[in-house]
Amino acid sequence: MRCILDQHQLYFSQTEGSVGQIIAAVLQEKYSEFLCSIRASAQSTERNSQIMLELFNTLFISQFTNISHATLTSFYECEPIAQARKAVKDNLAAQRQRKLSKS
């Protein structure tokens, strides 16, 4: 009886892993192109957002100085951009904390 139970348990553990791998392979095959397009869109959005941030930083600085060239945030970040960045970071941290506390 013990031998039968051990064999059943071994078969079950092997089957469970195989089923999981099969499901993962099917999902990856079916959705990989879709997920790649989402990843590309997210990267493009991130790049465009960074460009806009750099332009706004230059605009803010040019309003109060005689600088006529782009002023990147890696060189100098104006106060409104710094405050906005901190506010977004704090809001995301608070949302993450609320989500974790609900779990």
Protein backbone atom coordinates (compact mmCIF):
# COMPACT_ATOMS: atom_id res chain seq x y z
CA MET A 1 0.00 0.00 0.00
CA ARG A 2 2.82 2.39 0.93
CA CYS A 3 4.53 1.70 -2.40
CA ILE A 4 1.35 2.62 -4.29
CA LEU A 5 0.98 5.85 -2.33
CA ASP A 6 4.62 6.80 -2.96
CA GLN A 7 4.26 6.13 -6.68
CA HIS A 8 1.04 8.13 -6.81
CA GLN A 9 2.67 11.04 -5.01
CA LEU A 10 5.68 10.94 -7.36
CA TYR A 11 3.41 10.83 -10.43
CA PHE A 12 1.27 13.68 -9.09
CA SER A 13 4.27 15.91 -8.38
CA GLN A 14 5.69 15.27 -11.87
CA THR A 15 2.32 15.89 -13.54
CA GLU A 16 1.71 19.08 -11.58
CA GLY A 17 5.01 20.56 -12.75
CA SER A 18 4.38 19.47 -16.32
CA VAL A 19 0.92 21.03 -16.40
CA GLY A 20 2.32 24.31 -15.07
CA GLN A 21 5.05 24.32 -17.68
CA ILE A 22 2.57 23.56 -20.47
CA ILE A 23 0.27 26.37 -19.35
CA ALA A 24 3.21 28.79 -19.11
CA ALA A 25 4.40 27.83 -22.60
CA VAL A 26 0.91 28.28 -24.09
CA LEU A 27 0.45 31.67 -22.40
CA GLN A 28 3.89 32.82 -23.48
CA GLU A 29 3.27 31.75 -27.07
CA LYS A 30 -0.15 33.35 -27.17
CA TYR A 31 0.64 36.64 -25.46
CA SER A 32 4.36 37.27 -26.07
CA GLU A 33 3.77 39.51 -29.11
CA PHE A 34 1.09 41.45 -27.22
CA LEU A 35 3.35 41.88 -24.17
CA CYS A 36 6.23 43.01 -26.40
CA SER A 37 4.02 45.71 -27.91
CA ILE A 38 2.98 46.86 -24.43
CA ARG A 39 6.63 46.97 -23.34
CA ALA A 40 7.56 49.00 -26.45
CA SER A 41 4.69 51.42 -25.80
CA ALA A 42 5.73 51.85 -22.18
CA GLN A 43 9.33 52.55 -23.18
CA SER A 44 8.20 55.08 -25.79
CA THR A 45 5.95 56.79 -23.26
CA GLU A 46 8.77 56.89 -20.71
CA ARG A 47 11.14 58.39 -23.29
CA ASN A 48 8.59 61.03 -24.35
CA SER A 49 7.81 61.89 -20.73
CA GLN A 50 11.50 62.38 -20.01
CA ILE A 51 11.84 64.64 -23.06
CA MET A 52 8.87 66.72 -21.87
CA LEU A 53 10.36 66.94 -18.38
CA GLU A 54 13.65 68.22 -19.80
CA LEU A 55 11.83 70.78 -21.96
CA PHE A 56 9.72 72.02 -19.05
CA ASN A 57 12.83 72.32 -16.92
CA THR A 58 14.49 74.40 -19.65
CA LEU A 59 11.34 76.52 -20.03
CA PHE A 60 11.15 77.25 -16.31
CA ILE A 61 14.81 78.15 -16.09
CA SER A 62 14.74 80.32 -19.23
CA GLN A 63 11.87 82.35 -17.76
CA PHE A 64 14.08 83.58 -14.92
CA THR A 65 17.54 83.62 -16.50
CA ASN A 66 19.22 84.58 -19.74
CA ILE A 67 20.13 80.99 -20.60
CA SER A 68 19.29 80.28 -24.23
CA HIS A 69 20.24 76.59 -24.40
CA ALA A 70 18.67 73.45 -22.98
CA THR A 71 19.24 73.01 -19.27
CA LEU A 72 18.91 69.31 -18.49
CA THR A 73 17.72 68.07 -15.14
CA SER A 74 21.00 66.17 -14.74
CA PHE A 75 22.73 69.58 -14.67
CA TYR A 76 20.16 71.64 -12.80
CA GLU A 77 16.61 70.85 -11.77
CA CYS A 78 14.36 73.83 -11.15
CA GLU A 79 12.34 73.92 -7.96
CA PRO A 80 8.87 73.27 -9.48
CA ILE A 81 10.17 70.12 -11.22
CA ALA A 82 11.86 68.93 -8.03
CA GLN A 83 8.68 69.51 -6.02
CA ALA A 84 6.54 67.73 -8.61
CA ARG A 85 8.94 64.77 -8.68
CA LYS A 86 8.83 64.51 -4.87
CA ALA A 87 5.03 64.78 -4.79
CA VAL A 88 4.63 61.99 -7.37
CA LYS A 89 7.12 59.80 -5.49
CA ASP A 90 5.31 60.38 -2.18
CA ASN A 91 1.89 59.68 -3.76
CA LEU A 92 3.09 56.43 -5.30
CA ALA A 93 4.64 55.35 -1.99
CA ALA A 94 1.38 56.10 -0.16
CA GLN A 95 -0.65 54.14 -2.74
CA ARG A 96 1.74 51.20 -2.45
CA GLN A 97 1.47 51.32 1.35
CA ARG A 98 -2.35 51.38 1.22
CA LYS A 99 -2.34 48.45 -1.18
CA LEU A 100 0.01 46.46 1.07
CA SER A 101 -2.02 47.25 4.19
CA LYS A 102 -5.20 45.97 2.51
CA SER A 103 -3.52 42.64 1.76
